[in-house]
């Protein structure tokens, strides 16, 4: 993925090229289109998902995940 390419570029050239990818705010994005959205946790996922599925029309439920970078490999 992008992480390993960044590691190789930094190791070989001391810097990377391109753009750092960031996570969009999916809740704000959905709400900007008038779609109800909620950011949830593993503990409240079932309840939030139930509410979203019970509501008429589209809705967005966001369960954030932790992105972990792999340790650089040196061949």
C-alpha atoms as a PDB file:
ATOM      1  CA  UNK A   1       0.000   0.000   0.000  1.00  0.00           C
ATOM      2  CA  UNK A   2       0.884   3.661   0.232  1.00  0.00           C
ATOM      3  CA  UNK A   3       2.605   3.210   3.585  1.00  0.00           C
ATOM      4  CA  UNK A   4       5.306   0.911   2.267  1.00  0.00           C
ATOM      5  CA  UNK A   5       5.882   3.140  -0.767  1.00  0.00           C
ATOM      6  CA  UNK A   6       6.317   6.105   1.573  1.00  0.00           C
ATOM      7  CA  UNK A   7       8.832   4.123   3.647  1.00  0.00           C
ATOM      8  CA  UNK A   8      10.843   3.117   0.562  1.00  0.00           C
ATOM      9  CA  UNK A   9      10.889   6.683  -0.790  1.00  0.00           C
ATOM     10  CA  UNK A  10      11.925   8.126   2.569  1.00  0.00           C
ATOM     11  CA  UNK A  11      14.654   5.521   2.982  1.00  0.00           C
ATOM     12  CA  UNK A  12      16.025   5.935  -0.531  1.00  0.00           C
ATOM     13  CA  UNK A  13      15.654   9.673  -1.065  1.00  0.00           C
ATOM     14  CA  UNK A  14      14.991  11.209   2.343  1.00  0.00           C
ATOM     15  CA  UNK A  15      11.529  12.417   1.325  1.00  0.00           C
ATOM     16  CA  UNK A  16       8.369  11.283  -0.371  1.00  0.00           C
ATOM     17  CA  UNK A  17       6.600  12.472  -3.455  1.00  0.00           C
ATOM     18  CA  UNK A  18       2.882  12.816  -3.842  1.00  0.00           C
ATOM     19  CA  UNK A  19       0.201  13.625  -1.357  1.00  0.00           C
ATOM     20  CA  UNK A  20      -0.530  12.436   2.145  1.00  0.00           C
ATOM     21  CA  UNK A  21      -3.958  10.863   2.069  1.00  0.00           C
ATOM     22  CA  UNK A  22      -6.253  11.900   4.886  1.00  0.00           C
ATOM     23  CA  UNK A  23      -9.528  10.498   6.068  1.00  0.00           C
ATOM     24  CA  UNK A  24     -12.595  12.438   5.022  1.00  0.00           C
ATOM     25  CA  UNK A  25     -15.150  13.334   7.676  1.00  0.00           C
ATOM     26  CA  UNK A  26     -17.857  10.992   6.380  1.00  0.00           C
ATOM     27  CA  UNK A  27     -20.386  12.226   8.943  1.00  0.00           C
ATOM     28  CA  UNK A  28     -19.999  15.850   7.810  1.00  0.00           C
ATOM     29  CA  UNK A  29     -19.991  14.775   4.166  1.00  0.00           C
ATOM     30  CA  UNK A  30     -23.233  12.808   4.547  1.00  0.00           C
ATOM     31  CA  UNK A  31     -24.886  15.618   6.499  1.00  0.00           C
ATOM     32  CA  UNK A  32     -23.891  18.126   3.815  1.00  0.00           C
ATOM     33  CA  UNK A  33     -26.152  16.147   1.455  1.00  0.00           C
ATOM     34  CA  UNK A  34     -28.971  16.030   3.989  1.00  0.00           C
ATOM     35  CA  UNK A  35     -28.313  12.405   4.931  1.00  0.00           C
ATOM     36  CA  UNK A  36     -28.470  11.624   8.659  1.00  0.00           C
ATOM     37  CA  UNK A  37     -25.147  10.302   9.931  1.00  0.00           C
ATOM     38  CA  UNK A  38     -23.600   9.195  13.191  1.00  0.00           C
ATOM     39  CA  UNK A  39     -20.075   8.301  14.324  1.00  0.00           C
ATOM     40  CA  UNK A  40     -20.327   5.264  16.563  1.00  0.00           C
ATOM     41  CA  UNK A  41     -18.204   3.013  18.767  1.00  0.00           C
ATOM     42  CA  UNK A  42     -18.059  -0.791  18.972  1.00  0.00           C
ATOM     43  CA  UNK A  43     -20.127  -0.582  22.183  1.00  0.00           C
ATOM     44  CA  UNK A  44     -22.960   1.457  20.613  1.00  0.00           C
ATOM     45  CA  UNK A  45     -22.772   0.040  17.076  1.00  0.00           C
ATOM     46  CA  UNK A  46     -25.776  -2.292  17.406  1.00  0.00           C
ATOM     47  CA  UNK A  47     -28.038   0.470  18.748  1.00  0.00           C
ATOM     48  CA  UNK A  48     -26.855   3.067  16.208  1.00  0.00           C
ATOM     49  CA  UNK A  49     -27.172   0.615  13.331  1.00  0.00           C
ATOM     50  CA  UNK A  50     -30.667  -0.343  14.484  1.00  0.00           C
ATOM     51  CA  UNK A  51     -31.730   3.319  14.517  1.00  0.00           C
ATOM     52  CA  UNK A  52     -30.236   3.890  11.066  1.00  0.00           C
ATOM     53  CA  UNK A  53     -31.980   0.848   9.584  1.00  0.00           C
ATOM     54  CA  UNK A  54     -35.311   1.807  11.175  1.00  0.00           C
ATOM     55  CA  UNK A  55     -35.238   5.328   9.710  1.00  0.00           C
ATOM     56  CA  UNK A  56     -36.732   5.888   6.268  1.00  0.00           C
ATOM     57  CA  UNK A  57     -34.292   6.771   3.513  1.00  0.00           C
ATOM     58  CA  UNK A  58     -30.526   6.656   3.494  1.00  0.00           C
ATOM     59  CA  UNK A  59     -28.330   7.039   6.548  1.00  0.00           C
ATOM     60  CA  UNK A  60     -24.648   6.668   7.319  1.00  0.00           C
ATOM     61  CA  UNK A  61     -23.094   4.919  10.320  1.00  0.00           C
ATOM     62  CA  UNK A  62     -19.344   5.435  10.666  1.00  0.00           C
ATOM     63  CA  UNK A  63     -17.275   3.088  12.814  1.00  0.00           C
ATOM     64  CA  UNK A  64     -13.752   4.549  12.870  1.00  0.00           C
ATOM     65  CA  UNK A  65     -10.892   2.079  12.575  1.00  0.00           C
ATOM     66  CA  UNK A  66      -7.310   2.497  13.693  1.00  0.00           C
ATOM     67  CA  UNK A  67      -4.919   2.463  10.753  1.00  0.00           C
ATOM     68  CA  UNK A  68      -1.689   0.749  11.691  1.00  0.00           C
ATOM     69  CA  UNK A  69       1.501   1.187   9.734  1.00  0.00           C
ATOM     70  CA  UNK A  70       3.583  -1.897   9.120  1.00  0.00           C
ATOM     71  CA  UNK A  71       7.151  -1.828  10.308  1.00  0.00           C
ATOM     72  CA  UNK A  72       9.527  -1.022   7.463  1.00  0.00           C
ATOM     73  CA  UNK A  73      11.154  -4.052   5.908  1.00  0.00           C
ATOM     74  CA  UNK A  74      14.761  -4.049   4.868  1.00  0.00           C
ATOM     75  CA  UNK A  75      15.755  -6.647   2.322  1.00  0.00           C
END
